[in-house]
Amino acid sequence: MKFEEALERIEEIVKRLESGDLELDESIKLFEEGMRLVKECERMLDEAEKKVEILIKEENGYRTEPFE
C-alpha cells in the first residue's frame, strides 16, 4: 500500500469512528486497523527521510549528506 492510500484509509476510518454508528466490536477492529496504518505511515516517512539527501558540490565532484 502506498503512503497516500494508507493516509486516505486512515481518514475513512476516522470518519467512521466519529460517526458513532458502529458497534463496539467493529469500532475496535477499525481502530486497530487505523493504528497499524499509522505505524506503517510512520515507517514509510522514516524511510523516505533517510533517502532524502543534499548534494554538495565539492572541488572533485559531488558528495552526499543526510538531510536534516
C-alpha atoms as a PDB file:
ATOM      1  CA  MET A   1       0.000   0.000   0.000  1.00  0.00           C
ATOM      2  CA  LYS A   2       1.289   3.436  -0.902  1.00  0.00           C
ATOM      3  CA  PHE A   3       1.563   6.213   1.675  1.00  0.00           C
ATOM      4  CA  GLU A   4      -1.248   8.228   0.115  1.00  0.00           C
ATOM      5  CA  GLU A   5      -3.549   5.194   0.057  1.00  0.00           C
ATOM      6  CA  ALA A   6      -2.820   4.424   3.696  1.00  0.00           C
ATOM      7  CA  LEU A   7      -3.450   8.029   4.678  1.00  0.00           C
ATOM      8  CA  GLU A   8      -6.747   8.043   2.784  1.00  0.00           C
ATOM      9  CA  ARG A   9      -7.797   4.830   4.532  1.00  0.00           C
ATOM     10  CA  ILE A  10      -6.923   6.344   7.922  1.00  0.00           C
ATOM     11  CA  GLU A  11      -9.144   9.321   7.098  1.00  0.00           C
ATOM     12  CA  GLU A  12     -12.012   6.962   6.200  1.00  0.00           C
ATOM     13  CA  ILE A  13     -11.559   5.076   9.464  1.00  0.00           C
ATOM     14  CA  VAL A  14     -11.596   8.294  11.490  1.00  0.00           C
ATOM     15  CA  LYS A  15     -14.808   9.430   9.807  1.00  0.00           C
ATOM     16  CA  ARG A  16     -16.487   6.104  10.505  1.00  0.00           C
ATOM     17  CA  LEU A  17     -15.351   6.083  14.127  1.00  0.00           C
ATOM     18  CA  GLU A  18     -16.504   9.675  14.633  1.00  0.00           C
ATOM     19  CA  SER A  19     -19.940   8.865  13.204  1.00  0.00           C
ATOM     20  CA  GLY A  20     -20.819   6.890  16.313  1.00  0.00           C
ATOM     21  CA  ASP A  21     -22.914   4.468  14.239  1.00  0.00           C
ATOM     22  CA  LEU A  22     -20.671   1.431  14.762  1.00  0.00           C
ATOM     23  CA  GLU A  23     -20.945  -1.416  17.210  1.00  0.00           C
ATOM     24  CA  LEU A  24     -18.159  -1.749  19.747  1.00  0.00           C
ATOM     25  CA  ASP A  25     -16.522  -4.758  18.043  1.00  0.00           C
ATOM     26  CA  GLU A  26     -16.435  -3.017  14.675  1.00  0.00           C
ATOM     27  CA  SER A  27     -15.080   0.168  16.273  1.00  0.00           C
ATOM     28  CA  ILE A  28     -12.264  -1.784  17.909  1.00  0.00           C
ATOM     29  CA  LYS A  29     -11.374  -3.550  14.639  1.00  0.00           C
ATOM     30  CA  LEU A  30     -11.299  -0.259  12.754  1.00  0.00           C
ATOM     31  CA  PHE A  31      -9.228   1.377  15.490  1.00  0.00           C
ATOM     32  CA  GLU A  32      -6.704  -1.487  15.341  1.00  0.00           C
ATOM     33  CA  GLU A  33      -6.515  -1.198  11.547  1.00  0.00           C
ATOM     34  CA  GLY A  34      -6.004   2.544  11.853  1.00  0.00           C
ATOM     35  CA  MET A  35      -3.184   2.099  14.354  1.00  0.00           C
ATOM     36  CA  ARG A  36      -1.435  -0.420  12.077  1.00  0.00           C
ATOM     37  CA  LEU A  37      -1.739   2.013   9.178  1.00  0.00           C
ATOM     38  CA  VAL A  38      -0.383   4.897  11.272  1.00  0.00           C
ATOM     39  CA  LYS A  39       2.658   2.806  12.212  1.00  0.00           C
ATOM     40  CA  GLU A  40       3.158   1.854   8.562  1.00  0.00           C
ATOM     41  CA  CYS A  41       2.926   5.512   7.507  1.00  0.00           C
ATOM     42  CA  GLU A  42       5.490   6.446  10.158  1.00  0.00           C
ATOM     43  CA  ARG A  43       7.793   3.713   8.856  1.00  0.00           C
ATOM     44  CA  MET A  44       7.407   4.933   5.277  1.00  0.00           C
ATOM     45  CA  LEU A  45       8.120   8.538   6.328  1.00  0.00           C
ATOM     46  CA  ASP A  46      11.228   7.474   8.242  1.00  0.00           C
ATOM     47  CA  GLU A  47      12.432   5.530   5.226  1.00  0.00           C
ATOM     48  CA  ALA A  48      11.791   8.469   2.902  1.00  0.00           C
ATOM     49  CA  GLU A  49      13.629  10.832   5.234  1.00  0.00           C
ATOM     50  CA  LYS A  50      16.674   8.567   5.159  1.00  0.00           C
ATOM     51  CA  LYS A  51      16.641   8.592   1.352  1.00  0.00           C
ATOM     52  CA  VAL A  52      16.478  12.364   1.071  1.00  0.00           C
ATOM     53  CA  GLU A  53      19.970  13.689   0.602  1.00  0.00           C
ATOM     54  CA  ILE A  54      21.505  17.021  -0.206  1.00  0.00           C
ATOM     55  CA  LEU A  55      24.065  17.178  -2.971  1.00  0.00           C
ATOM     56  CA  ILE A  56      27.009  19.305  -2.057  1.00  0.00           C
ATOM     57  CA  LYS A  57      29.351  20.403  -4.782  1.00  0.00           C
ATOM     58  CA  GLU A  58      32.990  19.850  -3.986  1.00  0.00           C
ATOM     59  CA  GLU A  59      36.130  20.526  -5.934  1.00  0.00           C
ATOM     60  CA  ASN A  60      36.350  16.976  -7.242  1.00  0.00           C
ATOM     61  CA  GLY A  61      32.651  16.316  -7.802  1.00  0.00           C
ATOM     62  CA  TYR A  62      29.717  15.776  -5.509  1.00  0.00           C
ATOM     63  CA  ARG A  63      29.217  14.175  -2.159  1.00  0.00           C
ATOM     64  CA  THR A  64      26.025  13.478  -0.299  1.00  0.00           C
ATOM     65  CA  GLU A  65      24.963  14.340   3.216  1.00  0.00           C
ATOM     66  CA  PRO A  66      21.875  13.126   5.037  1.00  0.00           C
ATOM     67  CA  PHE A  67      19.024  15.629   5.037  1.00  0.00           C
ATOM     68  CA  GLU A  68      18.337  17.046   8.499  1.00  0.00           C
END
